[in-house]
Amino acid sequence: MSDHLDNLPGKQAYTSADIQAWLVANISTLLGVEPDEIDIKEPLDSYGLDSAQAMIIANQAEKFLGFKLSLIHLWYYPTIEELAQRLAEELENSESEILQI
């Protein structure tokens, strides 16, 4: 699924589930674990994700989503589930702002 999503340009109407799948695929690859070992309800730091790896994920997410992902997001939304939901909301809000112009 992530290969399909990686080929799409940013600013798509990704759902929270799409973003969760992308995060799981990319985090599992970065950490060298199987995707099914990642629990979307567990804090990311429970997997030993360090600040350098968080920067990598943030940069990849920026390309995927089409907007800058602040590392603050990882602090306020520490699980994949929470982070994906927030990012989906931000995408929806940015799309509605574009439509209003």
PDB file of N, CA and C in Angstrom:
ATOM      1  N   MET A   1       0.817  -1.196   0.000  1.00  0.00           N
ATOM      2  CA  MET A   1       0.000   0.000   0.000  1.00  0.00           C
ATOM      3  C   MET A   1       0.858   1.257   0.000  1.00  0.00           C
ATOM      4  N   SER A   2       1.966   1.253   0.773  1.00  0.00           N
ATOM      5  CA  SER A   2       2.781   2.460   0.843  1.00  0.00           C
ATOM      6  C   SER A   2       3.440   2.765  -0.498  1.00  0.00           C
ATOM      7  N   ASP A   3       3.804   1.733  -1.284  1.00  0.00           N
ATOM      8  CA  ASP A   3       4.389   1.986  -2.585  1.00  0.00           C
ATOM      9  C   ASP A   3       3.406   2.757  -3.455  1.00  0.00           C
ATOM     10  N   HIS A   4       2.151   2.371  -3.408  1.00  0.00           N
ATOM     11  CA  HIS A   4       1.118   3.061  -4.181  1.00  0.00           C
ATOM     12  C   HIS A   4       0.998   4.509  -3.717  1.00  0.00           C
ATOM     13  N   LEU A   5       0.959   4.725  -2.423  1.00  0.00           N
ATOM     14  CA  LEU A   5       0.795   6.071  -1.890  1.00  0.00           C
ATOM     15  C   LEU A   5       2.020   6.930  -2.122  1.00  0.00           C
ATOM     16  N   ASP A   6       3.225   6.329  -2.123  1.00  0.00           N
ATOM     17  CA  ASP A   6       4.445   7.087  -2.333  1.00  0.00           C
ATOM     18  C   ASP A   6       4.492   7.698  -3.728  1.00  0.00           C
ATOM     19  N   ASN A   7       3.799   7.099  -4.684  1.00  0.00           N
ATOM     20  CA  ASN A   7       3.850   7.576  -6.054  1.00  0.00           C
ATOM     21  C   ASN A   7       2.873   8.713  -6.334  1.00  0.00           C
ATOM     22  N   LEU A   8       2.019   9.012  -5.399  1.00  0.00           N
ATOM     23  CA  LEU A   8       1.051  10.076  -5.597  1.00  0.00           C
ATOM     24  C   LEU A   8       1.642  11.411  -5.166  1.00  0.00           C
ATOM     25  N   PRO A   9       1.299  12.502  -5.847  1.00  0.00           N
ATOM     26  CA  PRO A   9       1.807  13.801  -5.433  1.00  0.00           C
ATOM     27  C   PRO A   9       1.207  14.220  -4.098  1.00  0.00           C
ATOM     28  N   GLY A  10       1.868  15.149  -3.414  1.00  0.00           N
ATOM     29  CA  GLY A  10       1.397  15.639  -2.116  1.00  0.00           C
ATOM     30  C   GLY A  10       0.061  16.347  -2.227  1.00  0.00           C
ATOM     31  N   LYS A  11      -0.498  16.702  -1.094  1.00  0.00           N
ATOM     32  CA  LYS A  11      -1.768  17.419  -0.976  1.00  0.00           C
ATOM     33  C   LYS A  11      -2.943  16.598  -1.479  1.00  0.00           C
ATOM     34  N   GLN A  12      -2.852  15.280  -1.344  1.00  0.00           N
ATOM     35  CA  GLN A  12      -3.973  14.412  -1.683  1.00  0.00           C
ATOM     36  C   GLN A  12      -4.925  14.382  -0.494  1.00  0.00           C
ATOM     37  N   ALA A  13      -6.113  13.879  -0.712  1.00  0.00           N
ATOM     38  CA  ALA A  13      -7.092  13.750   0.354  1.00  0.00           C
ATOM     39  C   ALA A  13      -6.880  12.413   1.057  1.00  0.00           C
ATOM     40  N   TYR A  14      -5.741  12.278   1.715  1.00  0.00           N
ATOM     41  CA  TYR A  14      -5.447  11.048   2.434  1.00  0.00           C
ATOM     42  C   TYR A  14      -6.306  10.956   3.687  1.00  0.00           C
ATOM     43  N   THR A  15      -6.763   9.761   3.967  1.00  0.00           N
ATOM     44  CA  THR A  15      -7.508   9.530   5.200  1.00  0.00           C
ATOM     45  C   THR A  15      -6.516   9.234   6.322  1.00  0.00           C
ATOM     46  N   SER A  16      -7.023   9.216   7.520  1.00  0.00           N
ATOM     47  CA  SER A  16      -6.210   8.840   8.668  1.00  0.00           C
ATOM     48  C   SER A  16      -5.648   7.436   8.478  1.00  0.00           C
ATOM     49  N   ALA A  17      -6.447   6.526   7.928  1.00  0.00           N
ATOM     50  CA  ALA A  17      -5.997   5.148   7.684  1.00  0.00           C
ATOM     51  C   ALA A  17      -4.861   5.103   6.667  1.00  0.00           C
ATOM     52  N   ASP A  18      -4.944   5.931   5.613  1.00  0.00           N
ATOM     53  CA  ASP A  18      -3.870   6.008   4.619  1.00  0.00           C
ATOM     54  C   ASP A  18      -2.570   6.462   5.276  1.00  0.00           C
ATOM     55  N   ILE A  19      -2.683   7.498   6.096  1.00  0.00           N
ATOM     56  CA  ILE A  19      -1.505   8.058   6.751  1.00  0.00           C
ATOM     57  C   ILE A  19      -0.944   7.064   7.764  1.00  0.00           C
ATOM     58  N   GLN A  20      -1.819   6.382   8.488  1.00  0.00           N
ATOM     59  CA  GLN A  20      -1.362   5.345   9.424  1.00  0.00           C
ATOM     60  C   GLN A  20      -0.566   4.276   8.688  1.00  0.00           C
ATOM     61  N   ALA A  21      -1.099   3.803   7.567  1.00  0.00           N
ATOM     62  CA  ALA A  21      -0.424   2.758   6.790  1.00  0.00           C
ATOM     63  C   ALA A  21       0.937   3.246   6.309  1.00  0.00           C
ATOM     64  N   TRP A  22       0.994   4.484   5.850  1.00  0.00           N
ATOM     65  CA  TRP A  22       2.261   5.052   5.385  1.00  0.00           C
ATOM     66  C   TRP A  22       3.257   5.152   6.544  1.00  0.00           C
ATOM     67  N   LEU A  23       2.792   5.644   7.696  1.00  0.00           N
ATOM     68  CA  LEU A  23       3.671   5.765   8.859  1.00  0.00           C
ATOM     69  C   LEU A  23       4.185   4.404   9.317  1.00  0.00           C
ATOM     70  N   VAL A  24       3.299   3.432   9.402  1.00  0.00           N
ATOM     71  CA  VAL A  24       3.711   2.083   9.823  1.00  0.00           C
ATOM     72  C   VAL A  24       4.764   1.534   8.867  1.00  0.00           C
ATOM     73  N   ALA A  25       4.510   1.635   7.566  1.00  0.00           N
ATOM     74  CA  ALA A  25       5.452   1.104   6.573  1.00  0.00           C
ATOM     75  C   ALA A  25       6.811   1.779   6.679  1.00  0.00           C
ATOM     76  N   ASN A  26       6.823   3.104   6.806  1.00  0.00           N
ATOM     77  CA  ASN A  26       8.083   3.832   6.825  1.00  0.00           C
ATOM     78  C   ASN A  26       8.821   3.696   8.148  1.00  0.00           C
ATOM     79  N   ILE A  27       8.095   3.693   9.242  1.00  0.00           N
ATOM     80  CA  ILE A  27       8.738   3.534  10.550  1.00  0.00           C
ATOM     81  C   ILE A  27       9.287   2.120  10.695  1.00  0.00           C
ATOM     82  N   SER A  28       8.540   1.126  10.247  1.00  0.00           N
ATOM     83  CA  SER A  28       9.038  -0.247  10.356  1.00  0.00           C
ATOM     84  C   SER A  28      10.291  -0.435   9.508  1.00  0.00           C
ATOM     85  N   THR A  29      10.317   0.147   8.323  1.00  0.00           N
ATOM     86  CA  THR A  29      11.511   0.071   7.475  1.00  0.00           C
ATOM     87  C   THR A  29      12.694   0.760   8.145  1.00  0.00           C
ATOM     88  N   LEU A  30      12.458   1.946   8.678  1.00  0.00           N
ATOM     89  CA  LEU A  30      13.516   2.706   9.343  1.00  0.00           C
ATOM     90  C   LEU A  30      14.090   1.956  10.542  1.00  0.00           C
ATOM     91  N   LEU A  31      13.216   1.299  11.286  1.00  0.00           N
ATOM     92  CA  LEU A  31      13.654   0.593  12.496  1.00  0.00           C
ATOM     93  C   LEU A  31      14.083  -0.844  12.221  1.00  0.00           C
ATOM     94  N   GLY A  32      13.843  -1.330  10.998  1.00  0.00           N
ATOM     95  CA  GLY A  32      14.231  -2.690  10.648  1.00  0.00           C
ATOM     96  C   GLY A  32      13.377  -3.762  11.301  1.00  0.00           C
ATOM     97  N   VAL A  33      12.077  -3.469  11.443  1.00  0.00           N
ATOM     98  CA  VAL A  33      11.137  -4.435  12.006  1.00  0.00           C
ATOM     99  C   VAL A  33      10.010  -4.673  11.009  1.00  0.00           C
ATOM    100  N   GLU A  34       9.255  -5.724  11.245  1.00  0.00           N
ATOM    101  CA  GLU A  34       8.107  -6.021  10.387  1.00  0.00           C
ATOM    102  C   GLU A  34       6.965  -5.046  10.707  1.00  0.00           C
ATOM    103  N   PRO A  35       6.207  -4.616   9.688  1.00  0.00           N
ATOM    104  CA  PRO A  35       5.089  -3.701   9.936  1.00  0.00           C
ATOM    105  C   PRO A  35       4.103  -4.210  10.986  1.00  0.00           C
ATOM    106  N   ASP A  36       3.890  -5.532  11.047  1.00  0.00           N
ATOM    107  CA  ASP A  36       2.926  -6.050  12.020  1.00  0.00           C
ATOM    108  C   ASP A  36       3.454  -5.991  13.456  1.00  0.00           C
ATOM    109  N   GLU A  37       4.717  -5.611  13.632  1.00  0.00           N
ATOM    110  CA  GLU A  37       5.279  -5.420  14.970  1.00  0.00           C
ATOM    111  C   GLU A  37       5.001  -4.011  15.507  1.00  0.00           C
ATOM    112  N   ILE A  38       4.483  -3.133  14.647  1.00  0.00           N
ATOM    113  CA  ILE A  38       4.200  -1.756  15.030  1.00  0.00           C
ATOM    114  C   ILE A  38       2.737  -1.651  15.456  1.00  0.00           C
ATOM    115  N   ASP A  39       2.519  -1.192  16.688  1.00  0.00           N
ATOM    116  CA  ASP A  39       1.173  -0.974  17.220  1.00  0.00           C
ATOM    117  C   ASP A  39       0.881   0.524  17.145  1.00  0.00           C
ATOM    118  N   ILE A  40      -0.157   0.891  16.394  1.00  0.00           N
ATOM    119  CA  ILE A  40      -0.453   2.305  16.179  1.00  0.00           C
ATOM    120  C   ILE A  40      -0.892   3.022  17.450  1.00  0.00           C
ATOM    121  N   LYS A  41      -1.205   2.267  18.506  1.00  0.00           N
ATOM    122  CA  LYS A  41      -1.636   2.870  19.765  1.00  0.00           C
ATOM    123  C   LYS A  41      -0.489   3.024  20.766  1.00  0.00           C
ATOM    124  N   GLU A  42       0.697   2.509  20.421  1.00  0.00           N
ATOM    125  CA  GLU A  42       1.861   2.613  21.299  1.00  0.00           C
ATOM    126  C   GLU A  42       2.638   3.891  20.985  1.00  0.00           C
ATOM    127  N   PRO A  43       3.177   4.555  22.004  1.00  0.00           N
ATOM    128  CA  PRO A  43       4.006   5.749  21.740  1.00  0.00           C
ATOM    129  C   PRO A  43       5.210   5.388  20.864  1.00  0.00           C
ATOM    130  N   LEU A  44       5.542   6.271  19.944  1.00  0.00           N
ATOM    131  CA  LEU A  44       6.659   6.024  19.038  1.00  0.00           C
ATOM    132  C   LEU A  44       7.970   5.825  19.787  1.00  0.00           C
ATOM    133  N   ASP A  45       8.133   6.528  20.904  1.00  0.00           N
ATOM    134  CA  ASP A  45       9.395   6.377  21.637  1.00  0.00           C
ATOM    135  C   ASP A  45       9.528   4.996  22.269  1.00  0.00           C
ATOM    136  N   SER A  46       8.427   4.242  22.359  1.00  0.00           N
ATOM    137  CA  SER A  46       8.515   2.885  22.898  1.00  0.00           C
ATOM    138  C   SER A  46       9.245   1.953  21.928  1.00  0.00           C
ATOM    139  N   TYR A  47       9.412   2.386  20.669  1.00  0.00           N
ATOM    140  CA  TYR A  47      10.138   1.604  19.678  1.00  0.00           C
ATOM    141  C   TYR A  47      11.599   2.031  19.579  1.00  0.00           C
ATOM    142  N   GLY A  48      12.009   2.972  20.426  1.00  0.00           N
ATOM    143  CA  GLY A  48      13.386   3.427  20.402  1.00  0.00           C
ATOM    144  C   GLY A  48      13.663   4.414  19.279  1.00  0.00           C
ATOM    145  N   LEU A  49      12.628   5.048  18.760  1.00  0.00           N
ATOM    146  CA  LEU A  49      12.789   6.047  17.703  1.00  0.00           C
ATOM    147  C   LEU A  49      13.553   7.234  18.279  1.00  0.00           C
ATOM    148  N   ASP A  50      14.734   7.508  17.734  1.00  0.00           N
ATOM    149  CA  ASP A  50      15.527   8.624  18.254  1.00  0.00           C
ATOM    150  C   ASP A  50      15.243   9.903  17.465  1.00  0.00           C
ATOM    151  N   SER A  51      15.864  11.004  17.873  1.00  0.00           N
ATOM    152  CA  SER A  51      15.573  12.295  17.252  1.00  0.00           C
ATOM    153  C   SER A  51      15.999  12.328  15.786  1.00  0.00           C
ATOM    154  N   ALA A  52      17.100  11.690  15.448  1.00  0.00           N
ATOM    155  CA  ALA A  52      17.543  11.662  14.051  1.00  0.00           C
ATOM    156  C   ALA A  52      16.536  10.897  13.194  1.00  0.00           C
ATOM    157  N   GLN A  53      16.027   9.784  13.720  1.00  0.00           N
ATOM    158  CA  GLN A  53      15.034   9.000  12.977  1.00  0.00           C
ATOM    159  C   GLN A  53      13.716   9.776  12.874  1.00  0.00           C
ATOM    160  N   ALA A  54      13.374  10.516  13.921  1.00  0.00           N
ATOM    161  CA  ALA A  54      12.167  11.339  13.887  1.00  0.00           C
ATOM    162  C   ALA A  54      12.285  12.403  12.795  1.00  0.00           C
ATOM    163  N   MET A  55      13.482  12.972  12.632  1.00  0.00           N
ATOM    164  CA  MET A  55      13.715  13.961  11.575  1.00  0.00           C
ATOM    165  C   MET A  55      13.533  13.316  10.192  1.00  0.00           C
ATOM    166  N   ILE A  56      14.021  12.104  10.040  1.00  0.00           N
ATOM    167  CA  ILE A  56      13.881  11.394   8.762  1.00  0.00           C
ATOM    168  C   ILE A  56      12.403  11.179   8.446  1.00  0.00           C
ATOM    169  N   ILE A  57      11.647  10.704   9.436  1.00  0.00           N
ATOM    170  CA  ILE A  57      10.207  10.478   9.238  1.00  0.00           C
ATOM    171  C   ILE A  57       9.504  11.796   8.908  1.00  0.00           C
ATOM    172  N   ALA A  58       9.851  12.865   9.630  1.00  0.00           N
ATOM    173  CA  ALA A  58       9.225  14.170   9.377  1.00  0.00           C
ATOM    174  C   ALA A  58       9.511  14.640   7.961  1.00  0.00           C
ATOM    175  N   ASN A  59      10.753  14.477   7.496  1.00  0.00           N
ATOM    176  CA  ASN A  59      11.105  14.894   6.134  1.00  0.00           C
ATOM    177  C   ASN A  59      10.387  14.051   5.082  1.00  0.00           C
ATOM    178  N   GLN A  60      10.302  12.748   5.317  1.00  0.00           N
ATOM    179  CA  GLN A  60       9.588  11.874   4.377  1.00  0.00           C
ATOM    180  C   GLN A  60       8.099  12.212   4.369  1.00  0.00           C
ATOM    181  N   ALA A  61       7.550  12.484   5.541  1.00  0.00           N
ATOM    182  CA  ALA A  61       6.132  12.825   5.637  1.00  0.00           C
ATOM    183  C   ALA A  61       5.829  14.138   4.918  1.00  0.00           C
ATOM    184  N   GLU A  62       6.766  15.072   4.998  1.00  0.00           N
ATOM    185  CA  GLU A  62       6.593  16.342   4.299  1.00  0.00           C
ATOM    186  C   GLU A  62       6.447  16.110   2.794  1.00  0.00           C
ATOM    187  N   LYS A  63       7.269  15.233   2.246  1.00  0.00           N
ATOM    188  CA  LYS A  63       7.182  14.916   0.815  1.00  0.00           C
ATOM    189  C   LYS A  63       5.888  14.175   0.498  1.00  0.00           C
ATOM    190  N   PHE A  64       5.517  13.260   1.367  1.00  0.00           N
ATOM    191  CA  PHE A  64       4.298  12.463   1.174  1.00  0.00           C
ATOM    192  C   PHE A  64       3.040  13.320   1.247  1.00  0.00           C
ATOM    193  N   LEU A  65       2.962  14.174   2.262  1.00  0.00           N
ATOM    194  CA  LEU A  65       1.744  14.933   2.526  1.00  0.00           C
ATOM    195  C   LEU A  65       1.685  16.264   1.783  1.00  0.00           C
ATOM    196  N   GLY A  66       2.846  16.808   1.447  1.00  0.00           N
ATOM    197  CA  GLY A  66       2.866  18.077   0.735  1.00  0.00           C
ATOM    198  C   GLY A  66       2.872  19.293   1.635  1.00  0.00           C
ATOM    199  N   PHE A  67       3.130  19.112   2.925  1.00  0.00           N
ATOM    200  CA  PHE A  67       3.307  20.249   3.826  1.00  0.00           C
ATOM    201  C   PHE A  67       4.309  19.889   4.907  1.00  0.00           C
ATOM    202  N   LYS A  68       4.894  20.925   5.511  1.00  0.00           N
ATOM    203  CA  LYS A  68       5.937  20.716   6.506  1.00  0.00           C
ATOM    204  C   LYS A  68       5.365  20.117   7.781  1.00  0.00           C
ATOM    205  N   LEU A  69       6.005  19.063   8.245  1.00  0.00           N
ATOM    206  CA  LEU A  69       5.609  18.411   9.490  1.00  0.00           C
ATOM    207  C   LEU A  69       6.581  18.846  10.573  1.00  0.00           C
ATOM    208  N   SER A  70       6.086  19.549  11.548  1.00  0.00           N
ATOM    209  CA  SER A  70       6.911  19.985  12.663  1.00  0.00           C
ATOM    210  C   SER A  70       7.160  18.809  13.604  1.00  0.00           C
ATOM    211  N   LEU A  71       8.355  18.755  14.165  1.00  0.00           N
ATOM    212  CA  LEU A  71       8.646  17.709  15.142  1.00  0.00           C
ATOM    213  C   LEU A  71       7.770  17.849  16.385  1.00  0.00           C
ATOM    214  N   ILE A  72       7.197  19.021  16.581  1.00  0.00           N
ATOM    215  CA  ILE A  72       6.261  19.238  17.688  1.00  0.00           C
ATOM    216  C   ILE A  72       5.072  18.283  17.563  1.00  0.00           C
ATOM    217  N   HIS A  73       4.695  17.954  16.326  1.00  0.00           N
ATOM    218  CA  HIS A  73       3.599  17.000  16.110  1.00  0.00           C
ATOM    219  C   HIS A  73       3.898  15.676  16.815  1.00  0.00           C
ATOM    220  N   LEU A  74       5.152  15.250  16.745  1.00  0.00           N
ATOM    221  CA  LEU A  74       5.526  13.976  17.363  1.00  0.00           C
ATOM    222  C   LEU A  74       5.460  14.052  18.886  1.00  0.00           C
ATOM    223  N   TRP A  75       5.589  15.242  19.425  1.00  0.00           N
ATOM    224  CA  TRP A  75       5.502  15.439  20.873  1.00  0.00           C
ATOM    225  C   TRP A  75       4.041  15.437  21.326  1.00  0.00           C
ATOM    226  N   TYR A  76       3.207  16.212  20.629  1.00  0.00           N
ATOM    227  CA  TYR A  76       1.802  16.337  21.015  1.00  0.00           C
ATOM    228  C   TYR A  76       0.942  15.138  20.595  1.00  0.00           C
ATOM    229  N   TYR A  77       1.370  14.444  19.562  1.00  0.00           N
ATOM    230  CA  TYR A  77       0.626  13.290  19.051  1.00  0.00           C
ATOM    231  C   TYR A  77       1.601  12.109  18.997  1.00  0.00           C
ATOM    232  N   PRO A  78       1.893  11.504  20.155  1.00  0.00           N
ATOM    233  CA  PRO A  78       2.997  10.535  20.265  1.00  0.00           C
ATOM    234  C   PRO A  78       2.734   9.147  19.683  1.00  0.00           C
ATOM    235  N   THR A  79       1.496   8.840  19.320  1.00  0.00           N
ATOM    236  CA  THR A  79       1.234   7.529  18.720  1.00  0.00           C
ATOM    237  C   THR A  79       0.939   7.712  17.230  1.00  0.00           C
ATOM    238  N   ILE A  80       1.108   6.659  16.472  1.00  0.00           N
ATOM    239  CA  ILE A  80       0.799   6.708  15.040  1.00  0.00           C
ATOM    240  C   ILE A  80      -0.679   7.032  14.843  1.00  0.00           C
ATOM    241  N   GLU A  81      -1.525   6.445  15.663  1.00  0.00           N
ATOM    242  CA  GLU A  81      -2.964   6.683  15.549  1.00  0.00           C
ATOM    243  C   GLU A  81      -3.295   8.168  15.734  1.00  0.00           C
ATOM    244  N   GLU A  82      -2.767   8.769  16.791  1.00  0.00           N
ATOM    245  CA  GLU A  82      -3.041  10.185  17.063  1.00  0.00           C
ATOM    246  C   GLU A  82      -2.415  11.097  16.013  1.00  0.00           C
ATOM    247  N   LEU A  83      -1.191  10.786  15.638  1.00  0.00           N
ATOM    248  CA  LEU A  83      -0.491  11.603  14.646  1.00  0.00           C
ATOM    249  C   LEU A  83      -1.199  11.548  13.297  1.00  0.00           C
ATOM    250  N   ALA A  84      -1.586  10.366  12.866  1.00  0.00           N
ATOM    251  CA  ALA A  84      -2.271  10.213  11.580  1.00  0.00           C
ATOM    252  C   ALA A  84      -3.598  10.973  11.566  1.00  0.00           C
ATOM    253  N   GLN A  85      -4.329  10.909  12.671  1.00  0.00           N
ATOM    254  CA  GLN A  85      -5.605  11.621  12.754  1.00  0.00           C
ATOM    255  C   GLN A  85      -5.384  13.128  12.627  1.00  0.00           C
ATOM    256  N   ARG A  86      -4.387  13.641  13.333  1.00  0.00           N
ATOM    257  CA  ARG A  86      -4.098  15.080  13.299  1.00  0.00           C
ATOM    258  C   ARG A  86      -3.641  15.504  11.899  1.00  0.00           C
ATOM    259  N   LEU A  87      -2.785  14.721  11.282  1.00  0.00           N
ATOM    260  CA  LEU A  87      -2.292  15.075   9.946  1.00  0.00           C
ATOM    261  C   LEU A  87      -3.421  15.035   8.919  1.00  0.00           C
ATOM    262  N   ALA A  88      -4.329  14.082   9.045  1.00  0.00           N
ATOM    263  CA  ALA A  88      -5.486  14.025   8.147  1.00  0.00           C
ATOM    264  C   ALA A  88      -6.356  15.271   8.326  1.00  0.00           C
ATOM    265  N   GLU A  89      -6.520  15.712   9.579  1.00  0.00           N
ATOM    266  CA  GLU A  89      -7.287  16.938   9.842  1.00  0.00           C
ATOM    267  C   GLU A  89      -6.605  18.149   9.222  1.00  0.00           C
ATOM    268  N   GLU A  90      -5.276  18.210   9.338  1.00  0.00           N
ATOM    269  CA  GLU A  90      -4.551  19.339   8.754  1.00  0.00           C
ATOM    270  C   GLU A  90      -4.669  19.343   7.235  1.00  0.00           C
ATOM    271  N   LEU A  91      -4.616  18.168   6.625  1.00  0.00           N
ATOM    272  CA  LEU A  91      -4.797  18.087   5.170  1.00  0.00           C
ATOM    273  C   LEU A  91      -6.188  18.563   4.780  1.00  0.00           C
ATOM    274  N   GLU A  92      -7.184  18.121   5.521  1.00  0.00           N
ATOM    275  CA  GLU A  92      -8.560  18.524   5.236  1.00  0.00           C
ATOM    276  C   GLU A  92      -8.720  20.037   5.378  1.00  0.00           C
ATOM    277  N   ASN A  93      -8.135  20.598   6.432  1.00  0.00           N
ATOM    278  CA  ASN A  93      -8.218  22.044   6.644  1.00  0.00           C
ATOM    279  C   ASN A  93      -7.501  22.815   5.549  1.00  0.00           C
ATOM    280  N   SER A  94      -6.342  22.340   5.117  1.00  0.00           N
ATOM    281  CA  SER A  94      -5.603  23.050   4.070  1.00  0.00           C
ATOM    282  C   SER A  94      -6.363  22.967   2.751  1.00  0.00           C
ATOM    283  N   GLU A  95      -7.025  21.857   2.485  1.00  0.00           N
ATOM    284  CA  GLU A  95      -7.813  21.734   1.263  1.00  0.00           C
ATOM    285  C   GLU A  95      -9.026  22.657   1.297  1.00  0.00           C
ATOM    286  N   SER A  96      -9.667  22.791   2.446  1.00  0.00           N
ATOM    287  CA  SER A  96     -10.840  23.662   2.530  1.00  0.00           C
ATOM    288  C   SER A  96     -10.411  25.124   2.397  1.00  0.00           C
ATOM    289  N   GLU A  97      -9.206  25.475   2.875  1.00  0.00           N
ATOM    290  CA  GLU A  97      -8.704  26.839   2.705  1.00  0.00           C
ATOM    291  C   GLU A  97      -8.446  27.124   1.248  1.00  0.00           C
ATOM    292  N   ILE A  98      -7.927  26.143   0.521  1.00  0.00           N
ATOM    293  CA  ILE A  98      -7.663  26.321  -0.909  1.00  0.00           C
ATOM    294  C   ILE A  98      -8.985  26.512  -1.654  1.00  0.00           C
ATOM    295  N   LEU A  99     -10.004  25.742  -1.284  1.00  0.00           N
ATOM    296  CA  LEU A  99     -11.303  25.842  -1.946  1.00  0.00           C
ATOM    297  C   LEU A  99     -11.975  27.193  -1.695  1.00  0.00           C
ATOM    298  N   GLN A 100     -11.682  27.824  -0.560  1.00  0.00           N
ATOM    299  CA  GLN A 100     -12.302  29.091  -0.232  1.00  0.00           C
ATOM    300  C   GLN A 100     -11.684  30.258  -0.989  1.00  0.00           C
ATOM    301  N   ILE A 101     -10.508  30.075  -1.519  1.00  0.00           N
ATOM    302  CA  ILE A 101      -9.817  31.181  -2.206  1.00  0.00           C
ATOM    303  C   ILE A 101     -10.482  31.491  -3.521  1.00  0.00           C
TER     304      ILE A 101
END
